[in-house]
Amino acid sequence: MILSSETDIEVVGEAETGEDALPAIRQLQPDVVLCDLHLPGVSGMEVTERIVRGHRSTRVVIVSVLEDGPLPKRLLEAGAAGYIGKGCDAQELLRAVRDVAAGRRYLGTSIAQNLALSTVEGNGSPFDNLSPRELEVALLLTQGLRQEDIARRLSLSAKTVNTHKARLFEKMGIHDNIALARMASQYGLVDPARPL
C-alpha cells in the first residue's frame, strides 16, 4: 500500500464498513482517517459527522469518485478536512494525508476547481437547498433503499424519514424517486458507475 511504505506515515487500522470504522476510530484515535463516501451501512458523510461531533482530534479525508456536485462542499461543511478523487495519483494522496495531519485542509485539484466553478452564479444545484439530513435521505433513496431501511440505518422513525422525504421532494419540485434519481445523476450526486 502507498501509505504504509512511507516512513512518516503509520497505518494503524482499516475497516470495510462505517459500522466497523467508528469503534476502531474511537479505540485507535488516528490523526487522519481516509473515508470512502459510499461505505456499506453507515455512509462516509455520517462517519464524518460522528467523528466531528465526538470532538476527536481525528481529521477526515474523503476519497470519492464524485468530484463535483454538492457533496464535496457538504462534506467540508460537515467537518471533513480534505476531499480527493479516487483517481488521484499517489503523490496527491500523500500530500492530502500530510497536509491534513499538519492541521491544514486539502482539496484535490479537480475538486477545488469544481467548487470554485460552482460558486459562479447560475451553477447551483437543487441539492444545495437541502438540510444535511434531507441530503442523506436523498442519497439513500437514490441507492434504492426503502424508507424503513433508511429509518433503521439513520436511527430515525419511519415517520421522520417520510417527513424528510416529503420536504426534499417539495424543495426540489419533484414527486417520485425516479425524478430524484434523474436529478441526482444530473448533478453528480451518484457514482456514474453505479446503476440507478
N, C-alpha and C. Protein backbone atom coordinates (compact mmCIF):
# COMPACT_ATOMS: atom_id res chain seq x y z
N MET A 1 0.84 -1.19 0.00
CA MET A 1 0.00 0.00 0.00
C MET A 1 0.88 1.25 0.00
N ILE A 2 0.42 2.26 -0.64
CA ILE A 2 1.17 3.51 -0.79
C ILE A 2 1.52 4.11 0.56
N LEU A 3 0.55 4.20 1.45
CA LEU A 3 0.76 4.88 2.73
C LEU A 3 1.75 4.14 3.62
N SER A 4 1.64 2.82 3.69
CA SER A 4 2.49 2.05 4.61
C SER A 4 3.95 2.02 4.19
N SER A 5 4.25 2.38 2.95
CA SER A 5 5.65 2.40 2.52
C SER A 5 6.34 3.71 2.89
N GLU A 6 5.60 4.67 3.41
CA GLU A 6 6.17 5.96 3.80
C GLU A 6 6.66 5.90 5.25
N THR A 7 7.85 6.45 5.50
CA THR A 7 8.42 6.37 6.85
C THR A 7 7.72 7.30 7.85
N ASP A 8 7.10 8.37 7.36
CA ASP A 8 6.45 9.32 8.27
C ASP A 8 4.96 9.06 8.46
N ILE A 9 4.45 7.97 7.89
CA ILE A 9 3.03 7.64 7.99
C ILE A 9 2.89 6.21 8.51
N GLU A 10 2.06 6.05 9.54
CA GLU A 10 1.79 4.72 10.09
C GLU A 10 0.31 4.40 9.90
N VAL A 11 0.03 3.30 9.21
CA VAL A 11 -1.35 2.84 9.05
C VAL A 11 -1.69 2.02 10.29
N VAL A 12 -2.68 2.51 11.08
CA VAL A 12 -2.99 1.84 12.34
C VAL A 12 -4.23 0.96 12.26
N GLY A 13 -4.98 1.03 11.16
CA GLY A 13 -6.16 0.19 11.04
C GLY A 13 -6.88 0.39 9.73
N GLU A 14 -7.76 -0.56 9.42
CA GLU A 14 -8.61 -0.50 8.23
C GLU A 14 -9.97 -1.05 8.61
N ALA A 15 -11.00 -0.60 7.90
CA ALA A 15 -12.36 -1.11 8.14
C ALA A 15 -13.09 -1.17 6.81
N GLU A 16 -13.96 -2.15 6.68
CA GLU A 16 -14.73 -2.33 5.44
C GLU A 16 -16.02 -1.52 5.44
N THR A 17 -16.59 -1.25 6.63
CA THR A 17 -17.87 -0.56 6.72
C THR A 17 -17.78 0.59 7.71
N GLY A 18 -18.75 1.50 7.63
CA GLY A 18 -18.82 2.59 8.59
C GLY A 18 -19.04 2.08 10.00
N GLU A 19 -19.86 1.02 10.13
CA GLU A 19 -20.12 0.44 11.45
C GLU A 19 -18.84 -0.11 12.09
N ASP A 20 -17.96 -0.69 11.27
CA ASP A 20 -16.69 -1.20 11.78
C ASP A 20 -15.70 -0.07 12.05
N ALA A 21 -15.78 0.99 11.25
CA ALA A 21 -14.81 2.08 11.35
C ALA A 21 -14.97 2.88 12.65
N LEU A 22 -16.20 3.17 13.03
CA LEU A 22 -16.42 4.07 14.17
C LEU A 22 -15.82 3.55 15.48
N PRO A 23 -16.05 2.29 15.88
CA PRO A 23 -15.40 1.82 17.11
C PRO A 23 -13.88 1.74 16.97
N ALA A 24 -13.39 1.40 15.78
CA ALA A 24 -11.94 1.34 15.57
C ALA A 24 -11.33 2.73 15.71
N ILE A 25 -12.01 3.74 15.20
CA ILE A 25 -11.52 5.11 15.32
C ILE A 25 -11.50 5.53 16.79
N ARG A 26 -12.54 5.18 17.54
CA ARG A 26 -12.57 5.50 18.98
C ARG A 26 -11.40 4.84 19.70
N GLN A 27 -11.13 3.58 19.36
CA GLN A 27 -10.08 2.84 20.04
C GLN A 27 -8.68 3.30 19.62
N LEU A 28 -8.45 3.44 18.32
CA LEU A 28 -7.11 3.71 17.80
C LEU A 28 -6.75 5.20 17.80
N GLN A 29 -7.75 6.07 17.77
CA GLN A 29 -7.56 7.53 17.74
C GLN A 29 -6.51 7.97 16.73
N PRO A 30 -6.73 7.65 15.46
CA PRO A 30 -5.76 8.06 14.43
C PRO A 30 -5.78 9.57 14.22
N ASP A 31 -4.70 10.09 13.68
CA ASP A 31 -4.64 11.52 13.35
C ASP A 31 -5.51 11.81 12.13
N VAL A 32 -5.49 10.90 11.14
CA VAL A 32 -6.21 11.10 9.88
C VAL A 32 -6.96 9.81 9.53
N VAL A 33 -8.19 9.97 9.06
CA VAL A 33 -8.98 8.85 8.55
C VAL A 33 -9.25 9.10 7.08
N LEU A 34 -8.90 8.14 6.23
CA LEU A 34 -9.30 8.18 4.82
C LEU A 34 -10.64 7.46 4.75
N CYS A 35 -11.65 8.13 4.25
CA CYS A 35 -13.00 7.59 4.29
C CYS A 35 -13.65 7.63 2.92
N ASP A 36 -14.08 6.47 2.45
CA ASP A 36 -14.83 6.38 1.20
C ASP A 36 -16.21 6.96 1.46
N LEU A 37 -16.72 7.73 0.53
CA LEU A 37 -18.04 8.32 0.68
C LEU A 37 -19.13 7.26 0.67
N HIS A 38 -18.98 6.25 -0.18
CA HIS A 38 -20.02 5.23 -0.33
C HIS A 38 -19.64 3.95 0.39
N LEU A 39 -19.70 4.00 1.71
CA LEU A 39 -19.45 2.81 2.52
C LEU A 39 -20.72 1.99 2.65
N PRO A 40 -20.59 0.67 2.75
CA PRO A 40 -21.79 -0.11 3.07
C PRO A 40 -22.24 0.25 4.50
N GLY A 41 -23.52 0.30 4.72
CA GLY A 41 -24.02 0.65 6.05
C GLY A 41 -23.96 2.15 6.26
N VAL A 42 -23.35 2.56 7.35
CA VAL A 42 -23.23 3.98 7.68
C VAL A 42 -22.39 4.66 6.60
N SER A 43 -22.88 5.75 6.03
CA SER A 43 -22.20 6.41 4.92
C SER A 43 -20.97 7.19 5.39
N GLY A 44 -20.14 7.56 4.43
CA GLY A 44 -18.98 8.39 4.73
C GLY A 44 -19.37 9.73 5.32
N MET A 45 -20.51 10.27 4.90
CA MET A 45 -20.99 11.54 5.46
C MET A 45 -21.33 11.36 6.94
N GLU A 46 -22.01 10.28 7.26
CA GLU A 46 -22.38 10.01 8.66
C GLU A 46 -21.14 9.74 9.50
N VAL A 47 -20.17 8.99 8.97
CA VAL A 47 -18.93 8.74 9.70
C VAL A 47 -18.23 10.06 9.99
N THR A 48 -18.16 10.93 8.99
CA THR A 48 -17.52 12.24 9.17
C THR A 48 -18.23 13.04 10.25
N GLU A 49 -19.55 13.12 10.17
CA GLU A 49 -20.31 13.88 11.17
C GLU A 49 -20.11 13.32 12.57
N ARG A 50 -20.08 12.00 12.70
CA ARG A 50 -19.90 11.40 14.04
C ARG A 50 -18.51 11.67 14.59
N ILE A 51 -17.50 11.63 13.74
CA ILE A 51 -16.14 11.93 14.21
C ILE A 51 -16.07 13.38 14.68
N VAL A 52 -16.62 14.29 13.89
CA VAL A 52 -16.59 15.71 14.24
C VAL A 52 -17.39 15.97 15.52
N ARG A 53 -18.59 15.37 15.61
CA ARG A 53 -19.44 15.55 16.80
C ARG A 53 -18.76 15.04 18.06
N GLY A 54 -17.95 14.01 17.91
CA GLY A 54 -17.28 13.43 19.06
C GLY A 54 -16.12 14.27 19.57
N HIS A 55 -15.86 15.41 18.94
CA HIS A 55 -14.77 16.32 19.32
C HIS A 55 -13.43 15.61 19.37
N ARG A 56 -13.26 14.68 18.48
CA ARG A 56 -11.98 13.97 18.42
C ARG A 56 -10.97 14.82 17.65
N SER A 57 -9.73 14.57 17.91
CA SER A 57 -8.68 15.27 17.16
C SER A 57 -8.47 14.62 15.79
N THR A 58 -9.15 13.52 15.55
CA THR A 58 -9.05 12.84 14.26
C THR A 58 -9.64 13.70 13.16
N ARG A 59 -8.92 13.80 12.05
CA ARG A 59 -9.38 14.59 10.91
C ARG A 59 -9.69 13.63 9.76
N VAL A 60 -10.67 14.00 8.95
CA VAL A 60 -11.18 13.11 7.91
C VAL A 60 -10.83 13.63 6.53
N VAL A 61 -10.33 12.72 5.68
CA VAL A 61 -10.14 12.99 4.25
C VAL A 61 -11.09 12.06 3.51
N ILE A 62 -12.01 12.64 2.75
CA ILE A 62 -12.95 11.86 1.95
C ILE A 62 -12.28 11.47 0.64
N VAL A 63 -12.47 10.21 0.25
CA VAL A 63 -11.97 9.70 -1.02
C VAL A 63 -13.20 9.23 -1.80
N SER A 64 -13.44 9.83 -2.98
CA SER A 64 -14.67 9.51 -3.70
C SER A 64 -14.49 9.66 -5.20
N VAL A 65 -15.31 8.91 -5.95
CA VAL A 65 -15.36 9.11 -7.40
C VAL A 65 -16.17 10.35 -7.74
N LEU A 66 -16.96 10.84 -6.80
CA LEU A 66 -17.80 12.03 -7.03
C LEU A 66 -16.98 13.28 -6.75
N GLU A 67 -16.56 13.95 -7.81
CA GLU A 67 -15.68 15.10 -7.66
C GLU A 67 -16.39 16.43 -7.91
N ASP A 68 -17.67 16.38 -8.30
CA ASP A 68 -18.41 17.62 -8.48
C ASP A 68 -19.79 17.47 -7.86
N GLY A 69 -20.64 18.43 -8.09
CA GLY A 69 -21.95 18.42 -7.44
C GLY A 69 -21.83 18.96 -6.03
N PRO A 70 -22.88 18.81 -5.24
CA PRO A 70 -22.91 19.42 -3.91
C PRO A 70 -22.17 18.64 -2.82
N LEU A 71 -21.77 17.40 -3.08
CA LEU A 71 -21.21 16.59 -2.00
C LEU A 71 -19.88 17.08 -1.45
N PRO A 72 -18.90 17.46 -2.28
CA PRO A 72 -17.65 17.94 -1.67
C PRO A 72 -17.88 19.11 -0.71
N LYS A 73 -18.69 20.07 -1.13
CA LYS A 73 -18.97 21.23 -0.27
C LYS A 73 -19.66 20.79 1.01
N ARG A 74 -20.65 19.91 0.88
CA ARG A 74 -21.40 19.45 2.05
C ARG A 74 -20.50 18.70 3.03
N LEU A 75 -19.60 17.87 2.52
CA LEU A 75 -18.72 17.13 3.41
C LEU A 75 -17.72 18.04 4.10
N LEU A 76 -17.25 19.05 3.40
CA LEU A 76 -16.37 20.02 4.04
C LEU A 76 -17.13 20.78 5.13
N GLU A 77 -18.38 21.14 4.85
CA GLU A 77 -19.21 21.81 5.85
C GLU A 77 -19.48 20.89 7.04
N ALA A 78 -19.57 19.59 6.79
CA ALA A 78 -19.82 18.62 7.87
C ALA A 78 -18.57 18.38 8.72
N GLY A 79 -17.43 18.88 8.26
CA GLY A 79 -16.22 18.77 9.06
C GLY A 79 -15.07 18.02 8.44
N ALA A 80 -15.23 17.50 7.22
CA ALA A 80 -14.10 16.84 6.56
C ALA A 80 -12.99 17.86 6.35
N ALA A 81 -11.76 17.44 6.56
CA ALA A 81 -10.62 18.34 6.39
C ALA A 81 -10.04 18.25 4.99
N GLY A 82 -10.43 17.21 4.25
CA GLY A 82 -9.92 17.05 2.90
C GLY A 82 -10.87 16.24 2.05
N TYR A 83 -10.69 16.35 0.74
CA TYR A 83 -11.54 15.61 -0.21
C TYR A 83 -10.71 15.40 -1.46
N ILE A 84 -10.50 14.14 -1.82
CA ILE A 84 -9.73 13.81 -3.02
C ILE A 84 -10.51 12.80 -3.86
N GLY A 85 -10.21 12.78 -5.14
CA GLY A 85 -10.85 11.83 -6.04
C GLY A 85 -10.16 10.48 -5.97
N LYS A 86 -10.92 9.42 -6.20
CA LYS A 86 -10.34 8.07 -6.18
C LYS A 86 -9.29 7.89 -7.27
N GLY A 87 -9.38 8.68 -8.32
CA GLY A 87 -8.44 8.57 -9.41
C GLY A 87 -7.16 9.37 -9.22
N CYS A 88 -6.98 9.97 -8.04
CA CYS A 88 -5.78 10.80 -7.84
C CYS A 88 -4.53 9.93 -7.83
N ASP A 89 -3.39 10.55 -8.12
CA ASP A 89 -2.14 9.78 -8.11
C ASP A 89 -1.60 9.67 -6.68
N ALA A 90 -0.57 8.85 -6.51
CA ALA A 90 0.00 8.58 -5.20
C ALA A 90 0.51 9.84 -4.52
N GLN A 91 1.12 10.74 -5.29
CA GLN A 91 1.66 11.96 -4.70
C GLN A 91 0.56 12.85 -4.12
N GLU A 92 -0.58 12.91 -4.82
CA GLU A 92 -1.68 13.73 -4.30
C GLU A 92 -2.26 13.11 -3.03
N LEU A 93 -2.38 11.79 -2.99
CA LEU A 93 -2.86 11.11 -1.79
C LEU A 93 -1.95 11.41 -0.60
N LEU A 94 -0.65 11.29 -0.81
CA LEU A 94 0.31 11.55 0.26
C LEU A 94 0.27 13.01 0.69
N ARG A 95 0.16 13.92 -0.27
CA ARG A 95 0.07 15.35 0.04
C ARG A 95 -1.18 15.63 0.89
N ALA A 96 -2.30 15.01 0.52
CA ALA A 96 -3.55 15.20 1.27
C ALA A 96 -3.40 14.73 2.71
N VAL A 97 -2.86 13.53 2.91
CA VAL A 97 -2.70 12.99 4.26
C VAL A 97 -1.76 13.86 5.07
N ARG A 98 -0.64 14.26 4.50
CA ARG A 98 0.33 15.07 5.24
C ARG A 98 -0.22 16.46 5.57
N ASP A 99 -0.87 17.10 4.61
CA ASP A 99 -1.44 18.43 4.86
C ASP A 99 -2.50 18.38 5.96
N VAL A 100 -3.39 17.40 5.87
CA VAL A 100 -4.46 17.29 6.86
C VAL A 100 -3.89 16.94 8.24
N ALA A 101 -2.89 16.06 8.29
CA ALA A 101 -2.25 15.72 9.56
C ALA A 101 -1.58 16.94 10.18
N ALA A 102 -1.12 17.87 9.34
CA ALA A 102 -0.47 19.09 9.83
C ALA A 102 -1.48 20.17 10.21
N GLY A 103 -2.77 19.85 10.11
CA GLY A 103 -3.79 20.82 10.52
C GLY A 103 -4.34 21.68 9.41
N ARG A 104 -3.91 21.42 8.18
CA ARG A 104 -4.43 22.20 7.05
C ARG A 104 -5.56 21.43 6.37
N ARG A 105 -6.25 22.11 5.47
CA ARG A 105 -7.27 21.45 4.64
C ARG A 105 -6.64 21.11 3.30
N TYR A 106 -7.21 20.09 2.63
CA TYR A 106 -6.69 19.72 1.32
C TYR A 106 -7.84 19.35 0.40
N LEU A 107 -7.83 19.92 -0.79
CA LEU A 107 -8.79 19.57 -1.84
C LEU A 107 -8.01 19.12 -3.06
N GLY A 108 -8.45 18.00 -3.64
CA GLY A 108 -7.87 17.57 -4.90
C GLY A 108 -8.04 18.67 -5.94
N THR A 109 -7.15 18.71 -6.91
CA THR A 109 -7.15 19.78 -7.91
C THR A 109 -8.48 19.92 -8.63
N SER A 110 -9.02 18.81 -9.13
CA SER A 110 -10.29 18.89 -9.87
C SER A 110 -11.44 19.26 -8.95
N ILE A 111 -11.38 18.83 -7.70
CA ILE A 111 -12.44 19.15 -6.74
C ILE A 111 -12.40 20.64 -6.41
N ALA A 112 -11.20 21.17 -6.20
CA ALA A 112 -11.08 22.61 -5.93
C ALA A 112 -11.61 23.42 -7.10
N GLN A 113 -11.30 23.00 -8.31
CA GLN A 113 -11.78 23.71 -9.49
C GLN A 113 -13.31 23.63 -9.58
N ASN A 114 -13.87 22.45 -9.36
CA ASN A 114 -15.33 22.30 -9.42
C ASN A 114 -16.02 23.12 -8.34
N LEU A 115 -15.43 23.18 -7.14
CA LEU A 115 -16.02 24.01 -6.08
C LEU A 115 -15.98 25.48 -6.46
N ALA A 116 -14.87 25.91 -7.02
CA ALA A 116 -14.76 27.31 -7.44
C ALA A 116 -15.78 27.64 -8.52
N LEU A 117 -15.93 26.75 -9.48
CA LEU A 117 -16.88 26.99 -10.57
C LEU A 117 -18.33 26.94 -10.08
N SER A 118 -18.60 26.16 -9.05
CA SER A 118 -19.97 26.05 -8.55
C SER A 118 -20.43 27.32 -7.86
N THR A 119 -19.48 28.17 -7.47
CA THR A 119 -19.87 29.43 -6.83
C THR A 119 -20.24 30.50 -7.85
N VAL A 120 -19.94 30.24 -9.12
CA VAL A 120 -20.32 31.18 -10.17
C VAL A 120 -21.84 31.18 -10.27
N GLU A 121 -22.42 32.35 -10.36
CA GLU A 121 -23.88 32.48 -10.38
C GLU A 121 -24.49 31.59 -11.46
N GLY A 122 -25.56 30.91 -11.10
CA GLY A 122 -26.27 30.07 -12.06
C GLY A 122 -25.81 28.63 -12.08
N ASN A 123 -24.74 28.30 -11.34
CA ASN A 123 -24.24 26.93 -11.35
C ASN A 123 -24.68 26.14 -10.12
N GLY A 124 -25.65 26.65 -9.36
CA GLY A 124 -26.08 25.97 -8.15
C GLY A 124 -26.84 24.69 -8.44
N SER A 125 -26.91 23.86 -7.44
CA SER A 125 -27.61 22.59 -7.53
C SER A 125 -28.86 22.66 -6.66
N PRO A 126 -29.95 22.02 -7.07
CA PRO A 126 -31.13 21.99 -6.19
C PRO A 126 -30.85 21.26 -4.88
N PHE A 127 -29.80 20.45 -4.85
CA PHE A 127 -29.44 19.74 -3.63
C PHE A 127 -28.80 20.68 -2.60
N ASP A 128 -28.32 21.85 -3.04
CA ASP A 128 -27.72 22.81 -2.13
C ASP A 128 -28.71 23.32 -1.09
N ASN A 129 -30.00 23.29 -1.41
CA ASN A 129 -31.03 23.82 -0.51
C ASN A 129 -31.50 22.82 0.53
N LEU A 130 -31.02 21.60 0.46
CA LEU A 130 -31.46 20.57 1.40
C LEU A 130 -30.67 20.65 2.70
N SER A 131 -31.33 20.30 3.80
CA SER A 131 -30.63 20.19 5.08
C SER A 131 -29.70 18.98 5.00
N PRO A 132 -28.71 18.89 5.89
CA PRO A 132 -27.83 17.71 5.87
C PRO A 132 -28.60 16.39 5.97
N ARG A 133 -29.63 16.33 6.80
CA ARG A 133 -30.38 15.09 6.95
C ARG A 133 -31.21 14.80 5.69
N GLU A 134 -31.79 15.84 5.09
CA GLU A 134 -32.54 15.65 3.84
C GLU A 134 -31.62 15.14 2.74
N LEU A 135 -30.39 15.67 2.69
CA LEU A 135 -29.43 15.21 1.69
C LEU A 135 -29.07 13.74 1.92
N GLU A 136 -28.89 13.37 3.17
CA GLU A 136 -28.58 11.97 3.49
C GLU A 136 -29.73 11.06 3.07
N VAL A 137 -30.96 11.46 3.35
CA VAL A 137 -32.13 10.67 2.94
C VAL A 137 -32.18 10.57 1.42
N ALA A 138 -31.91 11.69 0.73
CA ALA A 138 -31.91 11.68 -0.74
C ALA A 138 -30.87 10.69 -1.27
N LEU A 139 -29.67 10.70 -0.69
CA LEU A 139 -28.62 9.78 -1.12
C LEU A 139 -29.05 8.33 -0.95
N LEU A 140 -29.65 8.03 0.18
CA LEU A 140 -30.07 6.66 0.44
C LEU A 140 -31.23 6.24 -0.45
N LEU A 141 -32.13 7.17 -0.75
CA LEU A 141 -33.22 6.87 -1.69
C LEU A 141 -32.66 6.55 -3.07
N THR A 142 -31.63 7.29 -3.50
CA THR A 142 -31.05 7.04 -4.83
C THR A 142 -30.32 5.71 -4.88
N GLN A 143 -29.97 5.17 -3.72
CA GLN A 143 -29.35 3.84 -3.66
C GLN A 143 -30.39 2.73 -3.67
N GLY A 144 -31.67 3.12 -3.71
CA GLY A 144 -32.74 2.13 -3.78
C GLY A 144 -33.24 1.63 -2.44
N LEU A 145 -32.82 2.26 -1.35
CA LEU A 145 -33.28 1.82 -0.04
C LEU A 145 -34.73 2.23 0.20
N ARG A 146 -35.46 1.37 0.89
CA ARG A 146 -36.84 1.69 1.28
C ARG A 146 -36.81 2.58 2.52
N GLN A 147 -37.90 3.29 2.76
CA GLN A 147 -37.96 4.20 3.90
C GLN A 147 -37.68 3.48 5.22
N GLU A 148 -38.16 2.26 5.37
CA GLU A 148 -37.94 1.51 6.61
C GLU A 148 -36.45 1.23 6.80
N ASP A 149 -35.76 0.90 5.70
CA ASP A 149 -34.32 0.63 5.78
C ASP A 149 -33.54 1.90 6.10
N ILE A 150 -33.97 3.01 5.50
CA ILE A 150 -33.33 4.30 5.78
C ILE A 150 -33.52 4.65 7.25
N ALA A 151 -34.72 4.46 7.76
CA ALA A 151 -35.01 4.76 9.17
C ALA A 151 -34.09 3.96 10.08
N ARG A 152 -33.93 2.68 9.78
CA ARG A 152 -33.06 1.82 10.58
C ARG A 152 -31.61 2.29 10.51
N ARG A 153 -31.15 2.59 9.30
CA ARG A 153 -29.76 2.98 9.10
C ARG A 153 -29.44 4.30 9.80
N LEU A 154 -30.38 5.24 9.78
CA LEU A 154 -30.13 6.56 10.37
C LEU A 154 -30.63 6.67 11.81
N SER A 155 -31.14 5.57 12.35
CA SER A 155 -31.70 5.56 13.71
C SER A 155 -32.80 6.60 13.88
N LEU A 156 -33.71 6.63 12.92
CA LEU A 156 -34.86 7.53 12.93
C LEU A 156 -36.13 6.70 12.83
N SER A 157 -37.27 7.33 13.10
CA SER A 157 -38.53 6.63 12.87
C SER A 157 -38.87 6.71 11.39
N ALA A 158 -39.68 5.78 10.91
CA ALA A 158 -40.12 5.80 9.51
C ALA A 158 -40.89 7.08 9.22
N LYS A 159 -41.64 7.57 10.20
CA LYS A 159 -42.41 8.81 10.03
C LYS A 159 -41.47 10.01 9.80
N THR A 160 -40.37 10.05 10.56
CA THR A 160 -39.40 11.14 10.40
C THR A 160 -38.75 11.07 9.02
N VAL A 161 -38.40 9.88 8.57
CA VAL A 161 -37.83 9.72 7.23
C VAL A 161 -38.83 10.18 6.18
N ASN A 162 -40.09 9.82 6.36
CA ASN A 162 -41.13 10.24 5.43
C ASN A 162 -41.25 11.77 5.38
N THR A 163 -41.13 12.42 6.54
CA THR A 163 -41.17 13.89 6.60
C THR A 163 -39.99 14.48 5.84
N HIS A 164 -38.78 13.94 6.06
CA HIS A 164 -37.59 14.42 5.33
C HIS A 164 -37.77 14.23 3.83
N LYS A 165 -38.31 13.09 3.44
CA LYS A 165 -38.53 12.80 2.02
C LYS A 165 -39.52 13.80 1.43
N ALA A 166 -40.61 14.05 2.12
CA ALA A 166 -41.62 15.00 1.63
C ALA A 166 -41.03 16.40 1.49
N ARG A 167 -40.23 16.81 2.47
CA ARG A 167 -39.62 18.15 2.42
C ARG A 167 -38.63 18.26 1.26
N LEU A 168 -37.81 17.24 1.07
CA LEU A 168 -36.83 17.32 0.00
C LEU A 168 -37.51 17.28 -1.36
N PHE A 169 -38.57 16.49 -1.51
CA PHE A 169 -39.32 16.48 -2.77
C PHE A 169 -39.93 17.85 -3.03
N GLU A 170 -40.48 18.48 -1.98
CA GLU A 170 -41.09 19.80 -2.14
C GLU A 170 -40.04 20.85 -2.53
N LYS A 171 -38.90 20.85 -1.84
CA LYS A 171 -37.84 21.81 -2.13
C LYS A 171 -37.31 21.66 -3.55
N MET A 172 -37.30 20.42 -4.05
CA MET A 172 -36.74 20.16 -5.36
C MET A 172 -37.79 20.17 -6.47
N GLY A 173 -39.06 20.26 -6.09
CA GLY A 173 -40.13 20.30 -7.08
C GLY A 173 -40.31 18.99 -7.83
N ILE A 174 -40.13 17.88 -7.11
CA ILE A 174 -40.28 16.55 -7.72
C ILE A 174 -41.35 15.77 -6.95
N HIS A 175 -41.78 14.65 -7.54
CA HIS A 175 -42.87 13.90 -6.93
C HIS A 175 -42.58 12.42 -6.71
N ASP A 176 -41.43 11.92 -7.19
CA ASP A 176 -41.16 10.49 -7.00
C ASP A 176 -39.66 10.21 -7.01
N ASN A 177 -39.32 8.97 -6.64
CA ASN A 177 -37.91 8.56 -6.54
C ASN A 177 -37.22 8.54 -7.90
N ILE A 178 -37.96 8.30 -8.97
CA ILE A 178 -37.36 8.29 -10.31
C ILE A 178 -36.85 9.68 -10.67
N ALA A 179 -37.66 10.70 -10.39
CA ALA A 179 -37.23 12.07 -10.65
C ALA A 179 -36.02 12.42 -9.78
N LEU A 180 -36.03 11.95 -8.54
CA LEU A 180 -34.89 12.19 -7.65
C LEU A 180 -33.63 11.54 -8.21
N ALA A 181 -33.74 10.31 -8.68
CA ALA A 181 -32.58 9.60 -9.24
C ALA A 181 -32.05 10.33 -10.48
N ARG A 182 -32.95 10.82 -11.32
CA ARG A 182 -32.51 11.57 -12.51
C ARG A 182 -31.75 12.83 -12.11
N MET A 183 -32.30 13.57 -11.14
CA MET A 183 -31.63 14.80 -10.70
C MET A 183 -30.30 14.48 -10.03
N ALA A 184 -30.26 13.42 -9.25
CA ALA A 184 -29.02 13.04 -8.58
C ALA A 184 -27.94 12.72 -9.61
N SER A 185 -28.32 12.04 -10.66
CA SER A 185 -27.38 11.73 -11.74
C SER A 185 -26.95 13.00 -12.47
N GLN A 186 -27.90 13.86 -12.76
CA GLN A 186 -27.61 15.10 -13.48
C GLN A 186 -26.66 16.01 -12.71
N TYR A 187 -26.78 16.05 -11.39
CA TYR A 187 -25.97 16.95 -10.58
C TYR A 187 -24.80 16.26 -9.89
N GLY A 188 -24.44 15.07 -10.34
CA GLY A 188 -23.23 14.41 -9.84
C GLY A 188 -23.33 13.89 -8.43
N LEU A 189 -24.52 13.54 -7.99
CA LEU A 189 -24.70 13.07 -6.63
C LEU A 189 -24.54 11.56 -6.50
N VAL A 190 -24.55 10.85 -7.62
CA VAL A 190 -24.40 9.40 -7.58
C VAL A 190 -23.18 9.00 -8.40
N ASP A 191 -22.59 7.90 -8.01
CA ASP A 191 -21.45 7.34 -8.72
C ASP A 191 -21.90 6.95 -10.12
N PRO A 192 -21.28 7.51 -11.17
CA PRO A 192 -21.72 7.20 -12.52
C PRO A 192 -21.59 5.72 -12.88
N ALA A 193 -20.74 4.99 -12.18
CA ALA A 193 -20.57 3.57 -12.47
C ALA A 193 -21.64 2.71 -11.80
N ARG A 194 -22.35 3.30 -10.85
CA ARG A 194 -23.38 2.55 -10.12
C ARG A 194 -24.71 2.71 -10.84
N PRO A 195 -25.39 1.62 -11.17
CA PRO A 195 -26.69 1.75 -11.86
C PRO A 195 -27.73 2.37 -10.95
N LEU A 196 -28.61 3.17 -11.55
CA LEU A 196 -29.69 3.80 -10.78
C LEU A 196 -30.84 2.84 -10.59
